[in-house]
Amino acid sequence: SWHGMDFPLHTDTPVEDYYKSYCEALRTVDDSIGSVME
């Protein structure tokens, strides 16, 4: 289904690709915390 790993968001994109992009996008959120602290 749309929210299932066999048909994620109705694509054939592997979960691995989603997860890695997710964690790469998270890096800038972490940088944001650093900027606020500074």
PDB file of all heavy atoms in Angstrom:
ATOM      1  N   SER A   1       0.851  -1.193   0.000  1.00  0.00           N
ATOM      2  CA  SER A   1       0.000   0.000   0.000  1.00  0.00           C
ATOM      3  C   SER A   1       0.882   1.237   0.000  1.00  0.00           C
ATOM      4  O   SER A   1       2.107   1.159   0.036  1.00  0.00           O
ATOM      5  CB  SER A   1      -0.910   0.017   1.239  1.00  0.00           C
ATOM      6  OG  SER A   1      -0.188   0.426   2.386  1.00  0.00           O
ATOM      7  N   TRP A   2       0.243   2.373  -0.029  1.00  0.00           N
ATOM      8  CA  TRP A   2       0.930   3.673   0.020  1.00  0.00           C
ATOM      9  C   TRP A   2       1.894   3.746   1.198  1.00  0.00           C
ATOM     10  O   TRP A   2       2.983   4.320   1.090  1.00  0.00           O
ATOM     11  CB  TRP A   2      -0.125   4.773   0.110  1.00  0.00           C
ATOM     12  CG  TRP A   2       0.389   6.176   0.200  1.00  0.00           C
ATOM     13  CD1 TRP A   2       0.646   6.879   1.336  1.00  0.00           C
ATOM     14  CD2 TRP A   2       0.687   7.060  -0.891  1.00  0.00           C
ATOM     15  NE1 TRP A   2       1.090   8.146   1.034  1.00  0.00           N
ATOM     16  CE2 TRP A   2       1.125   8.288  -0.332  1.00  0.00           C
ATOM     17  CE3 TRP A   2       0.626   6.937  -2.284  1.00  0.00           C
ATOM     18  CZ2 TRP A   2       1.490   9.388  -1.111  1.00  0.00           C
ATOM     19  CZ3 TRP A   2       1.000   8.034  -3.055  1.00  0.00           C
ATOM     20  CH2 TRP A   2       1.428   9.232  -2.478  1.00  0.00           C
ATOM     21  N   HIS A   3       1.514   3.178   2.312  1.00  0.00           N
ATOM     22  CA  HIS A   3       2.349   3.209   3.511  1.00  0.00           C
ATOM     23  C   HIS A   3       3.017   1.871   3.795  1.00  0.00           C
ATOM     24  O   HIS A   3       3.394   1.599   4.948  1.00  0.00           O
ATOM     25  CB  HIS A   3       1.523   3.653   4.728  1.00  0.00           C
ATOM     26  CG  HIS A   3       1.147   5.096   4.698  1.00  0.00           C
ATOM     27  ND1 HIS A   3      -0.021   5.590   5.249  1.00  0.00           N
ATOM     28  CD2 HIS A   3       1.782   6.170   4.173  1.00  0.00           C
ATOM     29  CE1 HIS A   3      -0.089   6.893   5.057  1.00  0.00           C
ATOM     30  NE2 HIS A   3       0.996   7.276   4.419  1.00  0.00           N
ATOM     31  N   GLY A   4       3.172   1.044   2.777  1.00  0.00           N
ATOM     32  CA  GLY A   4       3.826  -0.246   2.942  1.00  0.00           C
ATOM     33  C   GLY A   4       5.137  -0.303   2.182  1.00  0.00           C
ATOM     34  O   GLY A   4       5.325   0.378   1.168  1.00  0.00           O
ATOM     35  N   MET A   5       6.054  -1.129   2.654  1.00  0.00           N
ATOM     36  CA  MET A   5       7.384  -1.166   2.051  1.00  0.00           C
ATOM     37  C   MET A   5       7.407  -1.855   0.680  1.00  0.00           C
ATOM     38  O   MET A   5       8.369  -1.697  -0.070  1.00  0.00           O
ATOM     39  CB  MET A   5       8.372  -1.858   2.991  1.00  0.00           C
ATOM     40  CG  MET A   5       8.082  -3.304   3.290  1.00  0.00           C
ATOM     41  SD  MET A   5       9.357  -4.032   4.354  1.00  0.00           S
ATOM     42  CE  MET A   5      10.769  -4.041   3.246  1.00  0.00           C
ATOM     43  N   ASP A   6       6.351  -2.603   0.330  1.00  0.00           N
ATOM     44  CA  ASP A   6       6.307  -3.235  -0.989  1.00  0.00           C
ATOM     45  C   ASP A   6       5.806  -2.294  -2.082  1.00  0.00           C
ATOM     46  O   ASP A   6       6.001  -2.560  -3.268  1.00  0.00           O
ATOM     47  CB  ASP A   6       5.408  -4.473  -0.953  1.00  0.00           C
ATOM     48  CG  ASP A   6       6.069  -5.648  -0.256  1.00  0.00           C
ATOM     49  OD1 ASP A   6       7.272  -5.540   0.075  1.00  0.00           O
ATOM     50  OD2 ASP A   6       5.395  -6.667  -0.035  1.00  0.00           O
ATOM     51  N   PHE A   7       5.140  -1.210  -1.692  1.00  0.00           N
ATOM     52  CA  PHE A   7       4.572  -0.266  -2.660  1.00  0.00           C
ATOM     53  C   PHE A   7       4.650   1.147  -2.077  1.00  0.00           C
ATOM     54  O   PHE A   7       3.664   1.868  -2.043  1.00  0.00           O
ATOM     55  CB  PHE A   7       3.126  -0.665  -2.950  1.00  0.00           C
ATOM     56  CG  PHE A   7       2.540  -0.128  -4.231  1.00  0.00           C
ATOM     57  CD1 PHE A   7       3.338   0.389  -5.246  1.00  0.00           C
ATOM     58  CD2 PHE A   7       1.165  -0.154  -4.429  1.00  0.00           C
ATOM     59  CE1 PHE A   7       2.786   0.880  -6.413  1.00  0.00           C
ATOM     60  CE2 PHE A   7       0.598   0.325  -5.595  1.00  0.00           C
ATOM     61  CZ  PHE A   7       1.415   0.845  -6.593  1.00  0.00           C
ATOM     62  N   PRO A   8       5.847   1.574  -1.600  1.00  0.00           N
ATOM     63  CA  PRO A   8       5.962   2.798  -0.810  1.00  0.00           C
ATOM     64  C   PRO A   8       5.599   4.050  -1.607  1.00  0.00           C
ATOM     65  O   PRO A   8       6.204   4.342  -2.639  1.00  0.00           O
ATOM     66  CB  PRO A   8       7.440   2.810  -0.401  1.00  0.00           C
ATOM     67  CG  PRO A   8       8.130   1.990  -1.440  1.00  0.00           C
ATOM     68  CD  PRO A   8       7.147   0.935  -1.836  1.00  0.00           C
ATOM     69  N   LEU A   9       4.590   4.767  -1.124  1.00  0.00           N
ATOM     70  CA  LEU A   9       4.088   5.969  -1.779  1.00  0.00           C
ATOM     71  C   LEU A   9       3.746   5.681  -3.244  1.00  0.00           C
ATOM     72  O   LEU A   9       3.852   6.532  -4.112  1.00  0.00           O
ATOM     73  CB  LEU A   9       5.113   7.109  -1.676  1.00  0.00           C
ATOM     74  CG  LEU A   9       5.649   7.397  -0.271  1.00  0.00           C
ATOM     75  CD1 LEU A   9       6.616   8.567  -0.286  1.00  0.00           C
ATOM     76  CD2 LEU A   9       4.525   7.650   0.715  1.00  0.00           C
ATOM     77  N   HIS A  10       3.321   4.433  -3.483  1.00  0.00           N
ATOM     78  CA  HIS A  10       2.932   3.944  -4.807  1.00  0.00           C
ATOM     79  C   HIS A  10       4.081   4.017  -5.818  1.00  0.00           C
ATOM     80  O   HIS A  10       3.871   4.303  -6.999  1.00  0.00           O
ATOM     81  CB  HIS A  10       1.697   4.677  -5.329  1.00  0.00           C
ATOM     82  CG  HIS A  10       0.451   4.326  -4.584  1.00  0.00           C
ATOM     83  ND1 HIS A  10      -0.727   5.019  -4.728  1.00  0.00           N
ATOM     84  CD2 HIS A  10       0.189   3.347  -3.664  1.00  0.00           C
ATOM     85  CE1 HIS A  10      -1.653   4.484  -3.941  1.00  0.00           C
ATOM     86  NE2 HIS A  10      -1.123   3.467  -3.289  1.00  0.00           N
ATOM     87  N   THR A  11       5.303   3.754  -5.341  1.00  0.00           N
ATOM     88  CA  THR A  11       6.483   3.702  -6.203  1.00  0.00           C
ATOM     89  C   THR A  11       7.138   2.327  -6.057  1.00  0.00           C
ATOM     90  O   THR A  11       6.709   1.501  -5.249  1.00  0.00           O
ATOM     91  CB  THR A  11       7.519   4.765  -5.799  1.00  0.00           C
ATOM     92  OG1 THR A  11       8.149   4.375  -4.570  1.00  0.00           O
ATOM     93  CG2 THR A  11       6.870   6.128  -5.627  1.00  0.00           C
ATOM     94  N   ASP A  12       8.205   2.123  -6.819  1.00  0.00           N
ATOM     95  CA  ASP A  12       9.006   0.920  -6.629  1.00  0.00           C
ATOM     96  C   ASP A  12      10.373   1.273  -6.035  1.00  0.00           C
ATOM     97  O   ASP A  12      11.329   0.515  -6.133  1.00  0.00           O
ATOM     98  CB  ASP A  12       9.178   0.149  -7.942  1.00  0.00           C
ATOM     99  CG  ASP A  12       9.849   0.984  -9.023  1.00  0.00           C
ATOM    100  OD1 ASP A  12      10.144   2.173  -8.773  1.00  0.00           O
ATOM    101  OD2 ASP A  12      10.071   0.452 -10.129  1.00  0.00           O
ATOM    102  N   THR A  13      10.472   2.447  -5.407  1.00  0.00           N
ATOM    103  CA  THR A  13      11.724   2.890  -4.792  1.00  0.00           C
ATOM    104  C   THR A  13      12.042   2.037  -3.570  1.00  0.00           C
ATOM    105  O   THR A  13      11.177   1.855  -2.700  1.00  0.00           O
ATOM    106  CB  THR A  13      11.622   4.368  -4.380  1.00  0.00           C
ATOM    107  OG1 THR A  13      11.294   5.152  -5.530  1.00  0.00           O
ATOM    108  CG2 THR A  13      12.932   4.861  -3.776  1.00  0.00           C
ATOM    109  N   PRO A  14      13.262   1.522  -3.450  1.00  0.00           N
ATOM    110  CA  PRO A  14      13.617   0.728  -2.271  1.00  0.00           C
ATOM    111  C   PRO A  14      13.602   1.567  -0.995  1.00  0.00           C
ATOM    112  O   PRO A  14      13.926   2.764  -1.016  1.00  0.00           O
ATOM    113  CB  PRO A  14      15.047   0.245  -2.587  1.00  0.00           C
ATOM    114  CG  PRO A  14      15.214   0.414  -4.049  1.00  0.00           C
ATOM    115  CD  PRO A  14      14.345   1.568  -4.446  1.00  0.00           C
ATOM    116  N   VAL A  15      13.239   0.937   0.107  1.00  0.00           N
ATOM    117  CA  VAL A  15      13.221   1.616   1.402  1.00  0.00           C
ATOM    118  C   VAL A  15      14.594   2.199   1.718  1.00  0.00           C
ATOM    119  O   VAL A  15      14.706   3.283   2.311  1.00  0.00           O
ATOM    120  CB  VAL A  15      12.762   0.643   2.502  1.00  0.00           C
ATOM    121  CG1 VAL A  15      12.972   1.243   3.887  1.00  0.00           C
ATOM    122  CG2 VAL A  15      11.289   0.282   2.319  1.00  0.00           C
ATOM    123  N   GLU A  16      15.656   1.509   1.322  1.00  0.00           N
ATOM    124  CA  GLU A  16      17.013   1.995   1.596  1.00  0.00           C
ATOM    125  C   GLU A  16      17.230   3.402   1.037  1.00  0.00           C
ATOM    126  O   GLU A  16      17.825   4.263   1.701  1.00  0.00           O
ATOM    127  CB  GLU A  16      18.041   1.039   0.993  1.00  0.00           C
ATOM    128  CG  GLU A  16      19.477   1.520   1.139  1.00  0.00           C
ATOM    129  CD  GLU A  16      20.492   0.548   0.580  1.00  0.00           C
ATOM    130  OE1 GLU A  16      20.100  -0.556   0.153  1.00  0.00           O
ATOM    131  OE2 GLU A  16      21.693   0.886   0.590  1.00  0.00           O
ATOM    132  N   ASP A  17      16.751   3.652  -0.168  1.00  0.00           N
ATOM    133  CA  ASP A  17      16.945   4.966  -0.780  1.00  0.00           C
ATOM    134  C   ASP A  17      16.221   6.053   0.008  1.00  0.00           C
ATOM    135  O   ASP A  17      16.750   7.153   0.222  1.00  0.00           O
ATOM    136  CB  ASP A  17      16.440   4.954  -2.230  1.00  0.00           C
ATOM    137  CG  ASP A  17      17.281   4.068  -3.133  1.00  0.00           C
ATOM    138  OD1 ASP A  17      18.294   3.511  -2.647  1.00  0.00           O
ATOM    139  OD2 ASP A  17      16.925   3.924  -4.312  1.00  0.00           O
ATOM    140  N   TYR A  18      14.991   5.752   0.443  1.00  0.00           N
ATOM    141  CA  TYR A  18      14.241   6.706   1.261  1.00  0.00           C
ATOM    142  C   TYR A  18      14.984   7.007   2.572  1.00  0.00           C
ATOM    143  O   TYR A  18      15.125   8.166   2.975  1.00  0.00           O
ATOM    144  CB  TYR A  18      12.856   6.144   1.604  1.00  0.00           C
ATOM    145  CG  TYR A  18      11.845   6.210   0.498  1.00  0.00           C
ATOM    146  CD1 TYR A  18      11.216   5.054   0.035  1.00  0.00           C
ATOM    147  CD2 TYR A  18      11.478   7.426  -0.081  1.00  0.00           C
ATOM    148  CE1 TYR A  18      10.268   5.103  -0.975  1.00  0.00           C
ATOM    149  CE2 TYR A  18      10.532   7.484  -1.087  1.00  0.00           C
ATOM    150  CZ  TYR A  18       9.927   6.320  -1.533  1.00  0.00           C
ATOM    151  OH  TYR A  18       8.994   6.375  -2.531  1.00  0.00           O
ATOM    152  N   TYR A  19      15.442   5.949   3.206  1.00  0.00           N
ATOM    153  CA  TYR A  19      16.053   6.094   4.530  1.00  0.00           C
ATOM    154  C   TYR A  19      17.336   6.929   4.462  1.00  0.00           C
ATOM    155  O   TYR A  19      17.587   7.792   5.311  1.00  0.00           O
ATOM    156  CB  TYR A  19      16.355   4.707   5.109  1.00  0.00           C
ATOM    157  CG  TYR A  19      16.328   4.624   6.610  1.00  0.00           C
ATOM    158  CD1 TYR A  19      16.302   3.378   7.240  1.00  0.00           C
ATOM    159  CD2 TYR A  19      16.333   5.754   7.419  1.00  0.00           C
ATOM    160  CE1 TYR A  19      16.266   3.269   8.621  1.00  0.00           C
ATOM    161  CE2 TYR A  19      16.307   5.653   8.795  1.00  0.00           C
ATOM    162  CZ  TYR A  19      16.274   4.402   9.390  1.00  0.00           C
ATOM    163  OH  TYR A  19      16.249   4.299  10.760  1.00  0.00           O
ATOM    164  N   LYS A  20      18.138   6.694   3.444  1.00  0.00           N
ATOM    165  CA  LYS A  20      19.389   7.436   3.341  1.00  0.00           C
ATOM    166  C   LYS A  20      19.142   8.910   3.025  1.00  0.00           C
ATOM    167  O   LYS A  20      19.797   9.800   3.598  1.00  0.00           O
ATOM    168  CB  LYS A  20      20.290   6.777   2.295  1.00  0.00           C
ATOM    169  CG  LYS A  20      20.868   5.450   2.774  1.00  0.00           C
ATOM    170  CD  LYS A  20      21.820   4.829   1.782  1.00  0.00           C
ATOM    171  CE  LYS A  20      22.459   3.564   2.363  1.00  0.00           C
ATOM    172  NZ  LYS A  20      23.400   2.924   1.415  1.00  0.00           N
ATOM    173  N   SER A  21      18.194   9.197   2.143  1.00  0.00           N
ATOM    174  CA  SER A  21      17.855  10.600   1.877  1.00  0.00           C
ATOM    175  C   SER A  21      17.314  11.282   3.124  1.00  0.00           C
ATOM    176  O   SER A  21      17.601  12.460   3.388  1.00  0.00           O
ATOM    177  CB  SER A  21      16.825  10.686   0.743  1.00  0.00           C
ATOM    178  OG  SER A  21      17.367  10.223  -0.473  1.00  0.00           O
ATOM    179  N   TYR A  22      16.527  10.568   3.883  1.00  0.00           N
ATOM    180  CA  TYR A  22      15.965  11.061   5.146  1.00  0.00           C
ATOM    181  C   TYR A  22      17.087  11.480   6.102  1.00  0.00           C
ATOM    182  O   TYR A  22      17.076  12.585   6.665  1.00  0.00           O
ATOM    183  CB  TYR A  22      15.099   9.949   5.722  1.00  0.00           C
ATOM    184  CG  TYR A  22      14.595  10.069   7.127  1.00  0.00           C
ATOM    185  CD1 TYR A  22      13.353  10.620   7.401  1.00  0.00           C
ATOM    186  CD2 TYR A  22      15.329   9.548   8.203  1.00  0.00           C
ATOM    187  CE1 TYR A  22      12.852  10.664   8.691  1.00  0.00           C
ATOM    188  CE2 TYR A  22      14.837   9.585   9.492  1.00  0.00           C
ATOM    189  CZ  TYR A  22      13.606  10.145   9.744  1.00  0.00           C
ATOM    190  OH  TYR A  22      13.115  10.172  11.022  1.00  0.00           O
ATOM    191  N   CYS A  23      18.065  10.592   6.292  1.00  0.00           N
ATOM    192  CA  CYS A  23      19.150  10.886   7.236  1.00  0.00           C
ATOM    193  C   CYS A  23      20.077  11.978   6.717  1.00  0.00           C
ATOM    194  O   CYS A  23      20.650  12.733   7.507  1.00  0.00           O
ATOM    195  CB  CYS A  23      19.935   9.610   7.537  1.00  0.00           C
ATOM    196  SG  CYS A  23      19.029   8.448   8.581  1.00  0.00           S
ATOM    197  N   GLU A  24      20.193  12.088   5.401  1.00  0.00           N
ATOM    198  CA  GLU A  24      20.977  13.193   4.836  1.00  0.00           C
ATOM    199  C   GLU A  24      20.263  14.525   5.067  1.00  0.00           C
ATOM    200  O   GLU A  24      20.901  15.537   5.388  1.00  0.00           O
ATOM    201  CB  GLU A  24      21.210  12.949   3.346  1.00  0.00           C
ATOM    202  CG  GLU A  24      22.181  11.805   3.066  1.00  0.00           C
ATOM    203  CD  GLU A  24      22.195  11.363   1.614  1.00  0.00           C
ATOM    204  OE1 GLU A  24      21.348  11.863   0.824  1.00  0.00           O
ATOM    205  OE2 GLU A  24      23.026  10.509   1.277  1.00  0.00           O
ATOM    206  N   ALA A  25      18.933  14.552   4.928  1.00  0.00           N
ATOM    207  CA  ALA A  25      18.168  15.772   5.191  1.00  0.00           C
ATOM    208  C   ALA A  25      18.203  16.148   6.664  1.00  0.00           C
ATOM    209  O   ALA A  25      18.144  17.333   7.026  1.00  0.00           O
ATOM    210  CB  ALA A  25      16.725  15.598   4.720  1.00  0.00           C
ATOM    211  N   LEU A  26      18.319  15.142   7.529  1.00  0.00           N
ATOM    212  CA  LEU A  26      18.376  15.389   8.967  1.00  0.00           C
ATOM    213  C   LEU A  26      19.636  16.155   9.365  1.00  0.00           C
ATOM    214  O   LEU A  26      19.646  16.859  10.384  1.00  0.00           O
ATOM    215  CB  LEU A  26      18.306  14.055   9.713  1.00  0.00           C
ATOM    216  CG  LEU A  26      18.289  14.091  11.234  1.00  0.00           C
ATOM    217  CD1 LEU A  26      17.053  14.813  11.754  1.00  0.00           C
ATOM    218  CD2 LEU A  26      18.339  12.666  11.802  1.00  0.00           C
ATOM    219  N   ARG A  27      20.700  16.022   8.577  1.00  0.00           N
ATOM    220  CA  ARG A  27      21.954  16.700   8.907  1.00  0.00           C
ATOM    221  C   ARG A  27      21.757  18.206   9.044  1.00  0.00           C
ATOM    222  O   ARG A  27      22.341  18.847   9.935  1.00  0.00           O
ATOM    223  CB  ARG A  27      23.004  16.421   7.815  1.00  0.00           C
ATOM    224  CG  ARG A  27      23.487  14.981   7.714  1.00  0.00           C
ATOM    225  CD  ARG A  27      24.391  14.604   8.867  1.00  0.00           C
ATOM    226  NE  ARG A  27      25.586  15.414   8.955  1.00  0.00           N
ATOM    227  CZ  ARG A  27      26.732  15.159   8.312  1.00  0.00           C
ATOM    228  NH1 ARG A  27      26.806  14.120   7.479  1.00  0.00           N
ATOM    229  NH2 ARG A  27      27.780  15.933   8.487  1.00  0.00           N
ATOM    230  N   THR A  28      20.942  18.802   8.186  1.00  0.00           N
ATOM    231  CA  THR A  28      20.748  20.247   8.226  1.00  0.00           C
ATOM    232  C   THR A  28      19.896  20.663   9.418  1.00  0.00           C
ATOM    233  O   THR A  28      20.061  21.767   9.957  1.00  0.00           O
ATOM    234  CB  THR A  28      20.138  20.748   6.904  1.00  0.00           C
ATOM    235  OG1 THR A  28      20.877  20.205   5.808  1.00  0.00           O
ATOM    236  CG2 THR A  28      20.204  22.264   6.813  1.00  0.00           C
ATOM    237  N   VAL A  29      18.974  19.800   9.852  1.00  0.00           N
ATOM    238  CA  VAL A  29      18.235  20.073  11.089  1.00  0.00           C
ATOM    239  C   VAL A  29      19.208  20.096  12.264  1.00  0.00           C
ATOM    240  O   VAL A  29      19.138  20.967  13.148  1.00  0.00           O
ATOM    241  CB  VAL A  29      17.135  19.018  11.314  1.00  0.00           C
ATOM    242  CG1 VAL A  29      16.461  19.232  12.662  1.00  0.00           C
ATOM    243  CG2 VAL A  29      16.103  19.065  10.198  1.00  0.00           C
ATOM    244  N   ASP A  30      20.132  19.158  12.279  1.00  0.00           N
ATOM    245  CA  ASP A  30      21.144  19.143  13.339  1.00  0.00           C
ATOM    246  C   ASP A  30      22.006  20.409  13.289  1.00  0.00           C
ATOM    247  O   ASP A  30      22.310  21.005  14.330  1.00  0.00           O
ATOM    248  CB  ASP A  30      22.013  17.892  13.196  1.00  0.00           C
ATOM    249  CG  ASP A  30      22.956  17.709  14.356  1.00  0.00           C
ATOM    250  OD1 ASP A  30      22.482  17.346  15.450  1.00  0.00           O
ATOM    251  OD2 ASP A  30      24.172  17.961  14.188  1.00  0.00           O
ATOM    252  N   ASP A  31      22.381  20.830  12.087  1.00  0.00           N
ATOM    253  CA  ASP A  31      23.131  22.082  11.945  1.00  0.00           C
ATOM    254  C   ASP A  31      22.340  23.260  12.507  1.00  0.00           C
ATOM    255  O   ASP A  31      22.910  24.198  13.084  1.00  0.00           O
ATOM    256  CB  ASP A  31      23.439  22.349  10.469  1.00  0.00           C
ATOM    257  CG  ASP A  31      24.497  21.418   9.905  1.00  0.00           C
ATOM    258  OD1 ASP A  31      25.204  20.758  10.684  1.00  0.00           O
ATOM    259  OD2 ASP A  31      24.597  21.349   8.656  1.00  0.00           O
ATOM    260  N   SER A  32      21.027  23.226  12.322  1.00  0.00           N
ATOM    261  CA  SER A  32      20.170  24.301  12.818  1.00  0.00           C
ATOM    262  C   SER A  32      20.274  24.417  14.338  1.00  0.00           C
ATOM    263  O   SER A  32      20.356  25.524  14.887  1.00  0.00           O
ATOM    264  CB  SER A  32      18.720  24.037  12.403  1.00  0.00           C
ATOM    265  OG  SER A  32      17.857  25.028  12.913  1.00  0.00           O
ATOM    266  N   ILE A  33      20.275  23.276  15.011  1.00  0.00           N
ATOM    267  CA  ILE A  33      20.438  23.290  16.474  1.00  0.00           C
ATOM    268  C   ILE A  33      21.770  23.942  16.832  1.00  0.00           C
ATOM    269  O   ILE A  33      21.854  24.764  17.751  1.00  0.00           O
ATOM    270  CB  ILE A  33      20.361  21.861  17.033  1.00  0.00           C
ATOM    271  CG1 ILE A  33      18.957  21.297  16.834  1.00  0.00           C
ATOM    272  CG2 ILE A  33      20.749  21.828  18.510  1.00  0.00           C
ATOM    273  CD1 ILE A  33      18.815  19.833  17.211  1.00  0.00           C
ATOM    274  N   GLY A  34      22.826  23.580  16.100  1.00  0.00           N
ATOM    275  CA  GLY A  34      24.134  24.169  16.359  1.00  0.00           C
ATOM    276  C   GLY A  34      24.139  25.670  16.181  1.00  0.00           C
ATOM    277  O   GLY A  34      24.759  26.408  16.971  1.00  0.00           O
ATOM    278  N   SER A  35      23.443  26.176  15.162  1.00  0.00           N
ATOM    279  CA  SER A  35      23.392  27.621  14.921  1.00  0.00           C
ATOM    280  C   SER A  35      22.656  28.346  16.048  1.00  0.00           C
ATOM    281  O   SER A  35      23.058  29.436  16.472  1.00  0.00           O
ATOM    282  CB  SER A  35      22.695  27.904  13.582  1.00  0.00           C
ATOM    283  OG  SER A  35      23.435  27.368  12.508  1.00  0.00           O
ATOM    284  N   VAL A  36      21.572  27.745  16.526  1.00  0.00           N
ATOM    285  CA  VAL A  36      20.830  28.346  17.641  1.00  0.00           C
ATOM    286  C   VAL A  36      21.707  28.393  18.894  1.00  0.00           C
ATOM    287  O   VAL A  36      21.767  29.417  19.593  1.00  0.00           O
ATOM    288  CB  VAL A  36      19.538  27.558  17.905  1.00  0.00           C
ATOM    289  CG1 VAL A  36      18.911  27.976  19.232  1.00  0.00           C
ATOM    290  CG2 VAL A  36      18.545  27.765  16.768  1.00  0.00           C
ATOM    291  N   MET A  37      22.390  27.298  19.179  1.00  0.00           N
ATOM    292  CA  MET A  37      23.258  27.265  20.359  1.00  0.00           C
ATOM    293  C   MET A  37      24.369  28.305  20.265  1.00  0.00           C
ATOM    294  O   MET A  37      24.704  28.980  21.251  1.00  0.00           O
ATOM    295  CB  MET A  37      23.857  25.871  20.524  1.00  0.00           C
ATOM    296  CG  MET A  37      22.852  24.777  20.829  1.00  0.00           C
ATOM    297  SD  MET A  37      21.980  25.061  22.386  1.00  0.00           S
ATOM    298  CE  MET A  37      21.111  23.487  22.551  1.00  0.00           C
ATOM    299  N   GLU A  38      24.949  28.443  19.084  1.00  0.00           N
ATOM    300  CA  GLU A  38      26.021  29.421  18.892  1.00  0.00           C
ATOM    301  C   GLU A  38      25.515  30.838  19.115  1.00  0.00           C
ATOM    302  O   GLU A  38      26.206  31.677  19.726  1.00  0.00           O
ATOM    303  CB  GLU A  38      26.603  29.274  17.487  1.00  0.00           C
ATOM    304  CG  GLU A  38      27.797  30.165  17.213  1.00  0.00           C
ATOM    305  CD  GLU A  38      28.986  29.892  18.115  1.00  0.00           C
ATOM    306  OE1 GLU A  38      29.135  28.732  18.579  1.00  0.00           O
ATOM    307  OE2 GLU A  38      29.770  30.832  18.380  1.00  0.00           O
TER     308      GLU A  38
END
